[in-house]
Amino acid sequence: MTTTFITGANKGLGHETARRLIALGHTVILGARNPERGAAAAATLGARFVRIDVTDDASVAAAAADVAEHEGVVDVLVNNAGVSGPHGDPGELTGADALSVIDVNLFGVVRTTTAFLPLLRRSPDPVIINVSSGLGSLAITHDPARVESSVIAPLYTASKAALTMLTTQYAKAFKDIRVNAADPGYTATDLNGHSGPQTVTEGTDAIVRLATERPGAASGRFMDRHGTIDWS
């Protein structure tokens, strides 16, 4: 039985990832900040809810302790929680704006990964999946054939670029854990006002693929639903 913990899983990509992995036989622990929404989502899916606010050290530590007490192990950690940040004139952005986005999209991954490492290392085949974005790719955002090249979202894009680099560093450092990043693509979620042309099922293809690979699969990759993406 594969035990999977997903952050930000009460809606959107996290919720759909949970639904699909449960259907594939995973035991899913649904992590979310809001206790009412998280518990309701977990009950609907048949998952167990654990509250986690990835911006709060104590909350992350408590979530890891809860999983240690109940499941005792995590085979797959999906760092999915994320925010888009403020919209509007980039010339009006503040340091506080930047910190609020980075705190979730990057620092939240650091907090959660560090807290869950002992649980991952109890697994015979531990996996970390960081939900990043093509908007964090220099190559993709400079390709006029890609929709990402027309998006102006300085804080979100910067946070995802940092997350992809963090992924490569973790992959190099954690030789005993498979660490990869997933690009969902332009998917209709609350993050973009449901403007994306992809369904949440399509948007979770790469995440589900990485979560269900056989032991021995490669680490340090950036993948979308079509395959491996160049890191540049």
C-alpha atoms as a PDB file:
ATOM      1  CA  MET A   1       0.000   0.000   0.000  1.00  0.00           C
ATOM      2  CA  THR A   2       1.384   3.410  -0.999  1.00  0.00           C
ATOM      3  CA  THR A   3       0.800   6.221   1.491  1.00  0.00           C
ATOM      4  CA  THR A   4       0.668   9.661  -0.101  1.00  0.00           C
ATOM      5  CA  PHE A   5       0.515  13.086   1.565  1.00  0.00           C
ATOM      6  CA  ILE A   6      -0.691  16.020  -0.555  1.00  0.00           C
ATOM      7  CA  THR A   7      -0.606  19.661   0.528  1.00  0.00           C
ATOM      8  CA  GLY A   8      -3.266  22.109  -0.641  1.00  0.00           C
ATOM      9  CA  ALA A   9      -5.525  19.203  -1.544  1.00  0.00           C
ATOM     10  CA  ASN A  10      -8.979  20.496  -0.643  1.00  0.00           C
ATOM     11  CA  LYS A  11      -9.563  21.773  -4.207  1.00  0.00           C
ATOM     12  CA  GLY A  12      -8.094  22.086  -7.673  1.00  0.00           C
ATOM     13  CA  LEU A  13      -5.064  20.078  -8.699  1.00  0.00           C
ATOM     14  CA  GLY A  14      -4.443  18.719  -5.219  1.00  0.00           C
ATOM     15  CA  HIS A  15      -7.998  17.456  -4.886  1.00  0.00           C
ATOM     16  CA  GLU A  16      -7.956  15.816  -8.310  1.00  0.00           C
ATOM     17  CA  THR A  17      -4.559  14.250  -7.607  1.00  0.00           C
ATOM     18  CA  ALA A  18      -5.982  12.788  -4.406  1.00  0.00           C
ATOM     19  CA  ARG A  19      -9.047  11.443  -6.213  1.00  0.00           C
ATOM     20  CA  ARG A  20      -6.998   9.780  -8.927  1.00  0.00           C
ATOM     21  CA  LEU A  21      -4.431   8.263  -6.597  1.00  0.00           C
ATOM     22  CA  ILE A  22      -7.124   6.865  -4.303  1.00  0.00           C
ATOM     23  CA  ALA A  23      -8.687   5.237  -7.365  1.00  0.00           C
ATOM     24  CA  LEU A  24      -5.284   3.687  -8.083  1.00  0.00           C
ATOM     25  CA  GLY A  25      -5.055   2.223  -4.589  1.00  0.00           C
ATOM     26  CA  HIS A  26      -3.063   4.832  -2.696  1.00  0.00           C
ATOM     27  CA  THR A  27      -3.828   5.660   0.908  1.00  0.00           C
ATOM     28  CA  VAL A  28      -4.109   9.440   0.654  1.00  0.00           C
ATOM     29  CA  ILE A  29      -3.699  11.925   3.470  1.00  0.00           C
ATOM     30  CA  LEU A  30      -5.292  15.160   2.372  1.00  0.00           C
ATOM     31  CA  GLY A  31      -3.476  18.210   3.700  1.00  0.00           C
ATOM     32  CA  ALA A  32      -5.167  21.606   3.722  1.00  0.00           C
ATOM     33  CA  ARG A  33      -5.056  24.821   5.714  1.00  0.00           C
ATOM     34  CA  ASN A  34      -8.808  25.291   6.190  1.00  0.00           C
ATOM     35  CA  PRO A  35     -10.119  22.598   8.572  1.00  0.00           C
ATOM     36  CA  GLU A  36     -13.745  22.716   7.412  1.00  0.00           C
ATOM     37  CA  ARG A  37     -12.973  22.578   3.697  1.00  0.00           C
ATOM     38  CA  GLY A  38     -10.217  20.054   4.179  1.00  0.00           C
ATOM     39  CA  ALA A  39     -12.356  17.703   6.249  1.00  0.00           C
ATOM     40  CA  ALA A  40     -15.243  17.987   3.780  1.00  0.00           C
ATOM     41  CA  ALA A  41     -12.997  17.239   0.808  1.00  0.00           C
ATOM     42  CA  ALA A  42     -11.421  14.274   2.560  1.00  0.00           C
ATOM     43  CA  ALA A  43     -14.814  12.841   3.482  1.00  0.00           C
ATOM     44  CA  THR A  44     -15.983  13.131  -0.118  1.00  0.00           C
ATOM     45  CA  LEU A  45     -12.891  11.370  -1.466  1.00  0.00           C
ATOM     46  CA  GLY A  46     -12.397   8.760   1.231  1.00  0.00           C
ATOM     47  CA  ALA A  47      -9.103  10.242   2.411  1.00  0.00           C
ATOM     48  CA  ARG A  48      -7.897  11.179   5.874  1.00  0.00           C
ATOM     49  CA  PHE A  49      -7.625  14.908   6.554  1.00  0.00           C
ATOM     50  CA  VAL A  50      -4.659  16.483   8.313  1.00  0.00           C
ATOM     51  CA  ARG A  51      -4.521  20.225   8.765  1.00  0.00           C
ATOM     52  CA  ILE A  52      -1.356  21.864   7.483  1.00  0.00           C
ATOM     53  CA  ASP A  53      -0.510  25.508   6.898  1.00  0.00           C
ATOM     54  CA  VAL A  54       2.747  25.401   4.948  1.00  0.00           C
ATOM     55  CA  THR A  55       3.597  28.955   6.028  1.00  0.00           C
ATOM     56  CA  ASP A  56       3.649  27.981   9.707  1.00  0.00           C
ATOM     57  CA  ASP A  57       6.480  25.895  11.178  1.00  0.00           C
ATOM     58  CA  ALA A  58       4.388  24.660  14.095  1.00  0.00           C
ATOM     59  CA  SER A  59       1.525  23.597  11.823  1.00  0.00           C
ATOM     60  CA  VAL A  60       3.863  21.687   9.509  1.00  0.00           C
ATOM     61  CA  ALA A  61       5.558  19.971  12.456  1.00  0.00           C
ATOM     62  CA  ALA A  62       2.175  19.031  13.926  1.00  0.00           C
ATOM     63  CA  ALA A  63       1.056  17.565  10.587  1.00  0.00           C
ATOM     64  CA  ALA A  64       4.193  15.428  10.342  1.00  0.00           C
ATOM     65  CA  ALA A  65       3.708  14.264  13.934  1.00  0.00           C
ATOM     66  CA  ASP A  66       0.085  13.352  13.193  1.00  0.00           C
ATOM     67  CA  VAL A  67       1.106  11.241  10.187  1.00  0.00           C
ATOM     68  CA  ALA A  68       3.929   9.634  12.188  1.00  0.00           C
ATOM     69  CA  GLU A  69       1.404   8.620  14.848  1.00  0.00           C
ATOM     70  CA  HIS A  70      -1.274   7.288  12.485  1.00  0.00           C
ATOM     71  CA  GLU A  71       0.431   6.028   9.300  1.00  0.00           C
ATOM     72  CA  GLY A  72       4.046   5.938  10.430  1.00  0.00           C
ATOM     73  CA  VAL A  73       5.401   6.374   6.905  1.00  0.00           C
ATOM     74  CA  VAL A  74       5.015   8.501   3.775  1.00  0.00           C
ATOM     75  CA  ASP A  75       5.869   6.967   0.417  1.00  0.00           C
ATOM     76  CA  VAL A  76       4.935   9.957  -1.741  1.00  0.00           C
ATOM     77  CA  LEU A  77       4.960  13.623  -0.735  1.00  0.00           C
ATOM     78  CA  VAL A  78       3.226  15.972  -3.171  1.00  0.00           C
ATOM     79  CA  ASN A  79       4.125  19.603  -2.453  1.00  0.00           C
ATOM     80  CA  ASN A  80       1.118  21.114  -4.213  1.00  0.00           C
ATOM     81  CA  ALA A  81       0.039  24.098  -2.074  1.00  0.00           C
ATOM     82  CA  GLY A  82       0.541  27.348  -3.954  1.00  0.00           C
ATOM     83  CA  VAL A  83      -0.698  30.879  -4.483  1.00  0.00           C
ATOM     84  CA  SER A  84      -0.667  33.125  -7.547  1.00  0.00           C
ATOM     85  CA  GLY A  85       0.046  36.363  -5.725  1.00  0.00           C
ATOM     86  CA  PRO A  86      -1.195  39.871  -6.511  1.00  0.00           C
ATOM     87  CA  HIS A  87      -2.290  40.913  -9.984  1.00  0.00           C
ATOM     88  CA  GLY A  88      -2.018  44.354 -11.524  1.00  0.00           C
ATOM     89  CA  ASP A  89       0.809  46.768 -12.229  1.00  0.00           C
ATOM     90  CA  PRO A  90       4.156  45.077 -11.450  1.00  0.00           C
ATOM     91  CA  GLY A  91       5.533  48.528 -10.689  1.00  0.00           C
ATOM     92  CA  GLU A  92       3.408  48.572  -7.556  1.00  0.00           C
ATOM     93  CA  LEU A  93       4.699  45.321  -6.068  1.00  0.00           C
ATOM     94  CA  THR A  94       6.157  45.439  -2.579  1.00  0.00           C
ATOM     95  CA  GLY A  95       8.590  43.343  -0.628  1.00  0.00           C
ATOM     96  CA  ALA A  96       5.684  42.142   1.490  1.00  0.00           C
ATOM     97  CA  ASP A  97       3.913  40.969  -1.671  1.00  0.00           C
ATOM     98  CA  ALA A  98       6.996  39.007  -2.683  1.00  0.00           C
ATOM     99  CA  LEU A  99       7.409  37.433   0.738  1.00  0.00           C
ATOM    100  CA  SER A 100       3.775  36.308   0.831  1.00  0.00           C
ATOM    101  CA  VAL A 101       4.138  34.405  -2.464  1.00  0.00           C
ATOM    102  CA  ILE A 102       7.576  32.960  -1.791  1.00  0.00           C
ATOM    103  CA  ASP A 103       6.463  31.919   1.701  1.00  0.00           C
ATOM    104  CA  VAL A 104       3.919  29.502   0.242  1.00  0.00           C
ATOM    105  CA  ASN A 105       5.416  28.480  -3.093  1.00  0.00           C
ATOM    106  CA  LEU A 106       9.023  27.997  -1.997  1.00  0.00           C
ATOM    107  CA  PHE A 107       9.492  28.260   1.756  1.00  0.00           C
ATOM    108  CA  GLY A 108       6.395  26.090   2.257  1.00  0.00           C
ATOM    109  CA  VAL A 109       8.029  23.338   0.243  1.00  0.00           C
ATOM    110  CA  VAL A 110      11.196  23.643   2.309  1.00  0.00           C
ATOM    111  CA  ARG A 111       9.261  23.462   5.592  1.00  0.00           C
ATOM    112  CA  THR A 112       7.157  20.511   4.525  1.00  0.00           C
ATOM    113  CA  THR A 113       9.993  18.555   2.955  1.00  0.00           C
ATOM    114  CA  THR A 114      12.225  18.961   5.994  1.00  0.00           C
ATOM    115  CA  ALA A 115       9.467  17.921   8.390  1.00  0.00           C
ATOM    116  CA  PHE A 116       8.465  14.870   6.337  1.00  0.00           C
ATOM    117  CA  LEU A 117      11.950  13.576   5.514  1.00  0.00           C
ATOM    118  CA  PRO A 118      12.030  11.128   8.463  1.00  0.00           C
ATOM    119  CA  LEU A 119       8.697   9.661   7.330  1.00  0.00           C
ATOM    120  CA  LEU A 120       9.837   9.433   3.716  1.00  0.00           C
ATOM    121  CA  ARG A 121      12.997   7.635   4.742  1.00  0.00           C
ATOM    122  CA  ARG A 122      10.910   4.893   6.332  1.00  0.00           C
ATOM    123  CA  SER A 123       9.619   4.049   2.850  1.00  0.00           C
ATOM    124  CA  PRO A 124      11.359   1.513   0.612  1.00  0.00           C
ATOM    125  CA  ASP A 125      10.816   3.827  -2.390  1.00  0.00           C
ATOM    126  CA  PRO A 126      10.295   7.439  -1.252  1.00  0.00           C
ATOM    127  CA  VAL A 127       9.146  10.057  -3.734  1.00  0.00           C
ATOM    128  CA  ILE A 128       8.843  13.855  -3.565  1.00  0.00           C
ATOM    129  CA  ILE A 129       6.883  15.703  -6.253  1.00  0.00           C
ATOM    130  CA  ASN A 130       7.051  19.490  -6.335  1.00  0.00           C
ATOM    131  CA  VAL A 131       4.210  21.033  -8.319  1.00  0.00           C
ATOM    132  CA  SER A 132       5.969  23.743 -10.267  1.00  0.00           C
ATOM    133  CA  SER A 133       5.032  25.454 -13.544  1.00  0.00           C
ATOM    134  CA  GLY A 134       6.236  26.126 -17.050  1.00  0.00           C
ATOM    135  CA  LEU A 135       5.940  29.746 -15.978  1.00  0.00           C
ATOM    136  CA  GLY A 136       9.103  29.142 -13.983  1.00  0.00           C
ATOM    137  CA  SER A 137      11.046  28.061 -17.080  1.00  0.00           C
ATOM    138  CA  LEU A 138      13.252  30.629 -18.817  1.00  0.00           C
ATOM    139  CA  ALA A 139      13.023  28.738 -22.099  1.00  0.00           C
ATOM    140  CA  ILE A 140       9.254  28.303 -22.085  1.00  0.00           C
ATOM    141  CA  THR A 141       8.469  31.872 -21.052  1.00  0.00           C
ATOM    142  CA  HIS A 142      10.677  33.159 -23.906  1.00  0.00           C
ATOM    143  CA  ASP A 143       9.096  30.903 -26.537  1.00  0.00           C
ATOM    144  CA  PRO A 144       6.524  32.937 -28.513  1.00  0.00           C
ATOM    145  CA  ALA A 145       4.774  29.714 -29.484  1.00  0.00           C
ATOM    146  CA  ARG A 146       3.900  29.059 -25.835  1.00  0.00           C
ATOM    147  CA  VAL A 147       1.081  30.800 -23.983  1.00  0.00           C
ATOM    148  CA  GLU A 148       3.431  31.174 -20.995  1.00  0.00           C
ATOM    149  CA  SER A 149       5.418  33.782 -22.966  1.00  0.00           C
ATOM    150  CA  SER A 150       2.487  36.211 -22.815  1.00  0.00           C
ATOM    151  CA  VAL A 151       1.971  36.025 -19.047  1.00  0.00           C
ATOM    152  CA  ILE A 152       3.217  38.776 -16.746  1.00  0.00           C
ATOM    153  CA  ALA A 153       3.232  37.471 -13.179  1.00  0.00           C
ATOM    154  CA  PRO A 154       6.615  38.402 -11.688  1.00  0.00           C
ATOM    155  CA  LEU A 155       6.199  36.911  -8.231  1.00  0.00           C
ATOM    156  CA  TYR A 156       4.534  33.652  -9.241  1.00  0.00           C
ATOM    157  CA  THR A 157       6.999  33.007 -12.057  1.00  0.00           C
ATOM    158  CA  ALA A 158       9.990  33.841  -9.873  1.00  0.00           C
ATOM    159  CA  SER A 159       8.755  31.554  -7.106  1.00  0.00           C
ATOM    160  CA  LYS A 160       8.300  28.664  -9.522  1.00  0.00           C
ATOM    161  CA  ALA A 161      11.720  29.218 -11.087  1.00  0.00           C
ATOM    162  CA  ALA A 162      13.173  28.994  -7.591  1.00  0.00           C
ATOM    163  CA  LEU A 163      11.148  25.848  -6.916  1.00  0.00           C
ATOM    164  CA  THR A 164      12.502  24.069  -9.976  1.00  0.00           C
ATOM    165  CA  MET A 165      16.049  24.884  -8.858  1.00  0.00           C
ATOM    166  CA  LEU A 166      15.250  23.678  -5.347  1.00  0.00           C
ATOM    167  CA  THR A 167      14.025  20.431  -6.902  1.00  0.00           C
ATOM    168  CA  THR A 168      17.319  19.849  -8.718  1.00  0.00           C
ATOM    169  CA  GLN A 169      19.252  20.548  -5.530  1.00  0.00           C
ATOM    170  CA  TYR A 170      17.137  18.143  -3.502  1.00  0.00           C
ATOM    171  CA  ALA A 171      17.542  15.503  -6.210  1.00  0.00           C
ATOM    172  CA  LYS A 172      21.322  15.849  -5.995  1.00  0.00           C
ATOM    173  CA  ALA A 173      21.376  15.864  -2.202  1.00  0.00           C
ATOM    174  CA  PHE A 174      18.818  13.149  -1.417  1.00  0.00           C
ATOM    175  CA  LYS A 175      20.276  10.115  -3.153  1.00  0.00           C
ATOM    176  CA  ASP A 176      17.795   7.876  -1.336  1.00  0.00           C
ATOM    177  CA  ILE A 177      14.705   9.789  -2.499  1.00  0.00           C
ATOM    178  CA  ARG A 178      13.308  10.341  -5.989  1.00  0.00           C
ATOM    179  CA  VAL A 179      12.665  14.089  -6.322  1.00  0.00           C
ATOM    180  CA  ASN A 180      10.991  15.550  -9.402  1.00  0.00           C
ATOM    181  CA  ALA A 181       8.976  18.593 -10.453  1.00  0.00           C
ATOM    182  CA  ALA A 182       5.678  18.583 -12.333  1.00  0.00           C
ATOM    183  CA  ASP A 183       4.288  21.248 -14.639  1.00  0.00           C
ATOM    184  CA  PRO A 184       0.483  20.889 -14.731  1.00  0.00           C
ATOM    185  CA  GLY A 185       0.177  23.229 -17.712  1.00  0.00           C
ATOM    186  CA  TYR A 186      -2.475  25.900 -18.163  1.00  0.00           C
ATOM    187  CA  THR A 187      -5.270  24.249 -16.220  1.00  0.00           C
ATOM    188  CA  ALA A 188      -8.622  25.677 -15.168  1.00  0.00           C
ATOM    189  CA  THR A 189      -8.346  26.225 -11.403  1.00  0.00           C
ATOM    190  CA  ASP A 190      -9.064  28.933  -8.841  1.00  0.00           C
ATOM    191  CA  LEU A 191      -5.465  30.073  -9.298  1.00  0.00           C
ATOM    192  CA  ASN A 192      -6.270  31.531 -12.732  1.00  0.00           C
ATOM    193  CA  GLY A 193      -9.998  32.168 -12.395  1.00  0.00           C
ATOM    194  CA  HIS A 194     -10.695  28.873 -14.196  1.00  0.00           C
ATOM    195  CA  SER A 195      -9.386  30.372 -17.435  1.00  0.00           C
ATOM    196  CA  GLY A 196      -7.094  27.503 -18.397  1.00  0.00           C
ATOM    197  CA  PRO A 197      -8.046  25.294 -21.360  1.00  0.00           C
ATOM    198  CA  GLN A 198      -7.022  22.052 -19.612  1.00  0.00           C
ATOM    199  CA  THR A 199      -9.213  20.130 -17.194  1.00  0.00           C
ATOM    200  CA  VAL A 200      -7.900  19.351 -13.722  1.00  0.00           C
ATOM    201  CA  THR A 201      -7.603  15.735 -14.796  1.00  0.00           C
ATOM    202  CA  GLU A 202      -5.297  16.721 -17.647  1.00  0.00           C
ATOM    203  CA  GLY A 203      -3.451  19.047 -15.293  1.00  0.00           C
ATOM    204  CA  THR A 204      -2.698  16.212 -12.888  1.00  0.00           C
ATOM    205  CA  ASP A 205      -1.375  13.776 -15.481  1.00  0.00           C
ATOM    206  CA  ALA A 206       2.289  14.529 -14.768  1.00  0.00           C
ATOM    207  CA  ILE A 207       1.792  14.452 -10.998  1.00  0.00           C
ATOM    208  CA  VAL A 208       0.004  11.093 -11.103  1.00  0.00           C
ATOM    209  CA  ARG A 209       2.616   9.658 -13.451  1.00  0.00           C
ATOM    210  CA  LEU A 210       5.448  10.663 -11.124  1.00  0.00           C
ATOM    211  CA  ALA A 211       3.550   9.332  -8.106  1.00  0.00           C
ATOM    212  CA  THR A 212       2.988   5.930  -9.666  1.00  0.00           C
ATOM    213  CA  GLU A 213       6.326   5.204 -11.328  1.00  0.00           C
ATOM    214  CA  ARG A 214       8.080   1.981 -10.487  1.00  0.00           C
ATOM    215  CA  PRO A 215      11.148   1.918  -8.216  1.00  0.00           C
ATOM    216  CA  GLY A 216      14.305   2.883 -10.039  1.00  0.00           C
ATOM    217  CA  ALA A 217      12.774   5.697 -12.077  1.00  0.00           C
ATOM    218  CA  ALA A 218      14.951   8.760 -12.488  1.00  0.00           C
ATOM    219  CA  SER A 219      15.251  11.684 -10.102  1.00  0.00           C
ATOM    220  CA  GLY A 220      15.836  15.340 -10.911  1.00  0.00           C
ATOM    221  CA  ARG A 221      13.337  15.665 -13.775  1.00  0.00           C
ATOM    222  CA  PHE A 222      10.862  18.363 -14.782  1.00  0.00           C
ATOM    223  CA  MET A 223       7.801  16.802 -16.419  1.00  0.00           C
ATOM    224  CA  ASP A 224       4.516  17.838 -17.950  1.00  0.00           C
ATOM    225  CA  ARG A 225       1.741  15.598 -19.244  1.00  0.00           C
ATOM    226  CA  HIS A 226       3.631  15.046 -22.501  1.00  0.00           C
ATOM    227  CA  GLY A 227       6.965  14.023 -21.004  1.00  0.00           C
ATOM    228  CA  THR A 228      10.242  15.509 -19.802  1.00  0.00           C
ATOM    229  CA  ILE A 229      10.855  19.263 -20.033  1.00  0.00           C
ATOM    230  CA  ASP A 230      14.305  20.774 -20.410  1.00  0.00           C
ATOM    231  CA  TRP A 231      15.385  22.516 -17.188  1.00  0.00           C
ATOM    232  CA  SER A 232      16.485  25.737 -18.938  1.00  0.00           C
END
